[in-house]
Amino acid sequence: MLIKDWMTKDPVTITDNTSMIKAIHIMKERRFRRIPVVTDGKLVGMVTDRDLKEASPSKATTLDVHELYYLLAELQVKEIMSRNPLS
């Protein structure tokens, strides 16, 4: 059995400028646990559900909901992704 027989031919990807909140939305909507990050057609990183959880604010934060959403919308994937994954 070869990798080409198992791989996804046209995977859903995001760019490194994608906001964290958009990445969360895509992953929840599609039920993904990880998503490749592509820039100029080249794989530059990978974001996992664990990366997103670790970058999320604590539930014990004193920030209000609007401040939390603002911060999550401003945080870009390039700041939390695992860089240069093996491919």
C-alpha atoms as a PDB file:
ATOM      1  CA  MET A   1       0.000   0.000   0.000  1.00  0.00           C
ATOM      2  CA  LEU A   2       1.357   3.417  -0.977  1.00  0.00           C
ATOM      3  CA  ILE A   3       0.843   6.806   0.676  1.00  0.00           C
ATOM      4  CA  LYS A   4      -0.729   8.148  -2.517  1.00  0.00           C
ATOM      5  CA  ASP A   5      -3.539   5.628  -2.048  1.00  0.00           C
ATOM      6  CA  TRP A   6      -4.366   7.019   1.417  1.00  0.00           C
ATOM      7  CA  MET A   7      -3.591  10.729   1.161  1.00  0.00           C
ATOM      8  CA  THR A   8      -6.089  13.497   0.578  1.00  0.00           C
ATOM      9  CA  LYS A   9      -5.437  14.859  -2.912  1.00  0.00           C
ATOM     10  CA  ASP A  10      -6.753  18.420  -2.357  1.00  0.00           C
ATOM     11  CA  PRO A  11      -6.658  19.076   1.399  1.00  0.00           C
ATOM     12  CA  VAL A  12      -8.269  22.071   3.065  1.00  0.00           C
ATOM     13  CA  THR A  13      -5.475  24.471   4.022  1.00  0.00           C
ATOM     14  CA  ILE A  14      -5.062  27.883   5.635  1.00  0.00           C
ATOM     15  CA  THR A  15      -2.409  30.577   5.282  1.00  0.00           C
ATOM     16  CA  ASP A  16      -0.111  31.773   8.035  1.00  0.00           C
ATOM     17  CA  ASN A  17      -2.070  35.053   8.151  1.00  0.00           C
ATOM     18  CA  THR A  18      -5.337  33.286   9.032  1.00  0.00           C
ATOM     19  CA  SER A  19      -6.731  34.386  12.382  1.00  0.00           C
ATOM     20  CA  MET A  20      -6.862  31.908  15.226  1.00  0.00           C
ATOM     21  CA  ILE A  21     -10.642  32.311  15.481  1.00  0.00           C
ATOM     22  CA  LYS A  22     -11.081  31.457  11.779  1.00  0.00           C
ATOM     23  CA  ALA A  23      -8.828  28.395  12.167  1.00  0.00           C
ATOM     24  CA  ILE A  24     -10.929  27.260  15.142  1.00  0.00           C
ATOM     25  CA  HIS A  25     -14.108  27.736  13.097  1.00  0.00           C
ATOM     26  CA  ILE A  26     -12.788  25.752  10.096  1.00  0.00           C
ATOM     27  CA  MET A  27     -11.559  22.919  12.290  1.00  0.00           C
ATOM     28  CA  LYS A  28     -14.821  22.657  14.239  1.00  0.00           C
ATOM     29  CA  GLU A  29     -16.975  22.913  11.124  1.00  0.00           C
ATOM     30  CA  ARG A  30     -15.022  20.224   9.266  1.00  0.00           C
ATOM     31  CA  ARG A  31     -14.261  18.142  12.382  1.00  0.00           C
ATOM     32  CA  PHE A  32     -10.507  18.365  11.786  1.00  0.00           C
ATOM     33  CA  ARG A  33      -7.926  17.896  14.524  1.00  0.00           C
ATOM     34  CA  ARG A  34      -5.151  19.444  12.463  1.00  0.00           C
ATOM     35  CA  ILE A  35      -4.862  21.645   9.401  1.00  0.00           C
ATOM     36  CA  PRO A  36      -1.894  22.368   7.099  1.00  0.00           C
ATOM     37  CA  VAL A  37      -0.601  25.932   6.801  1.00  0.00           C
ATOM     38  CA  VAL A  38       0.463  26.840   3.258  1.00  0.00           C
ATOM     39  CA  THR A  39       2.186  29.976   1.942  1.00  0.00           C
ATOM     40  CA  ASP A  40       2.797  30.452  -1.788  1.00  0.00           C
ATOM     41  CA  GLY A  41       1.920  26.792  -2.394  1.00  0.00           C
ATOM     42  CA  LYS A  42       4.517  25.547   0.101  1.00  0.00           C
ATOM     43  CA  LEU A  43       3.778  23.748   3.363  1.00  0.00           C
ATOM     44  CA  VAL A  44       5.175  25.994   6.115  1.00  0.00           C
ATOM     45  CA  GLY A  45       3.441  24.645   9.200  1.00  0.00           C
ATOM     46  CA  MET A  46       0.698  22.674  10.848  1.00  0.00           C
ATOM     47  CA  VAL A  47      -1.893  23.792  13.393  1.00  0.00           C
ATOM     48  CA  THR A  48      -3.467  21.245  15.703  1.00  0.00           C
ATOM     49  CA  ASP A  49      -6.381  21.432  18.091  1.00  0.00           C
ATOM     50  CA  ARG A  50      -3.802  21.250  20.884  1.00  0.00           C
ATOM     51  CA  ASP A  51      -1.957  24.328  19.520  1.00  0.00           C
ATOM     52  CA  LEU A  52      -5.247  26.225  19.556  1.00  0.00           C
ATOM     53  CA  LYS A  53      -6.107  25.129  23.098  1.00  0.00           C
ATOM     54  CA  GLU A  54      -2.676  26.109  24.401  1.00  0.00           C
ATOM     55  CA  ALA A  55      -2.927  29.554  22.783  1.00  0.00           C
ATOM     56  CA  SER A  56      -6.446  30.162  24.103  1.00  0.00           C
ATOM     57  CA  PRO A  57      -6.889  32.299  27.221  1.00  0.00           C
ATOM     58  CA  SER A  58      -7.608  30.591  30.519  1.00  0.00           C
ATOM     59  CA  LYS A  59     -11.260  30.269  31.532  1.00  0.00           C
ATOM     60  CA  ALA A  60     -10.263  32.040  34.748  1.00  0.00           C
ATOM     61  CA  THR A  61      -9.305  35.226  32.873  1.00  0.00           C
ATOM     62  CA  THR A  62     -10.601  38.605  33.976  1.00  0.00           C
ATOM     63  CA  LEU A  63     -11.133  39.740  30.368  1.00  0.00           C
ATOM     64  CA  ASP A  64     -14.698  40.162  29.180  1.00  0.00           C
ATOM     65  CA  VAL A  65     -16.096  38.297  26.170  1.00  0.00           C
ATOM     66  CA  HIS A  66     -15.528  41.149  23.725  1.00  0.00           C
ATOM     67  CA  GLU A  67     -11.885  41.517  24.748  1.00  0.00           C
ATOM     68  CA  LEU A  68     -11.370  37.753  24.360  1.00  0.00           C
ATOM     69  CA  TYR A  69     -12.871  37.691  20.863  1.00  0.00           C
ATOM     70  CA  TYR A  70     -10.767  40.691  19.853  1.00  0.00           C
ATOM     71  CA  LEU A  71      -7.571  38.990  21.031  1.00  0.00           C
ATOM     72  CA  LEU A  72      -8.451  35.710  19.307  1.00  0.00           C
ATOM     73  CA  ALA A  73      -9.299  37.545  16.082  1.00  0.00           C
ATOM     74  CA  GLU A  74      -5.951  39.377  16.128  1.00  0.00           C
ATOM     75  CA  LEU A  75      -3.795  36.320  16.882  1.00  0.00           C
ATOM     76  CA  GLN A  76      -2.572  34.804  13.624  1.00  0.00           C
ATOM     77  CA  VAL A  77      -1.828  31.164  12.918  1.00  0.00           C
ATOM     78  CA  LYS A  78       1.856  31.930  12.228  1.00  0.00           C
ATOM     79  CA  GLU A  79       2.279  32.769  15.915  1.00  0.00           C
ATOM     80  CA  ILE A  80       1.086  29.364  17.163  1.00  0.00           C
ATOM     81  CA  MET A  81       1.707  26.831  14.370  1.00  0.00           C
ATOM     82  CA  SER A  82       4.319  24.100  14.406  1.00  0.00           C
ATOM     83  CA  ARG A  83       6.831  25.161  11.783  1.00  0.00           C
ATOM     84  CA  ASN A  84       8.492  23.123   9.041  1.00  0.00           C
ATOM     85  CA  PRO A  85       6.644  19.843   9.498  1.00  0.00           C
ATOM     86  CA  LEU A  86       8.119  16.746   7.913  1.00  0.00           C
ATOM     87  CA  SER A  87       6.486  16.036   4.587  1.00  0.00           C
END
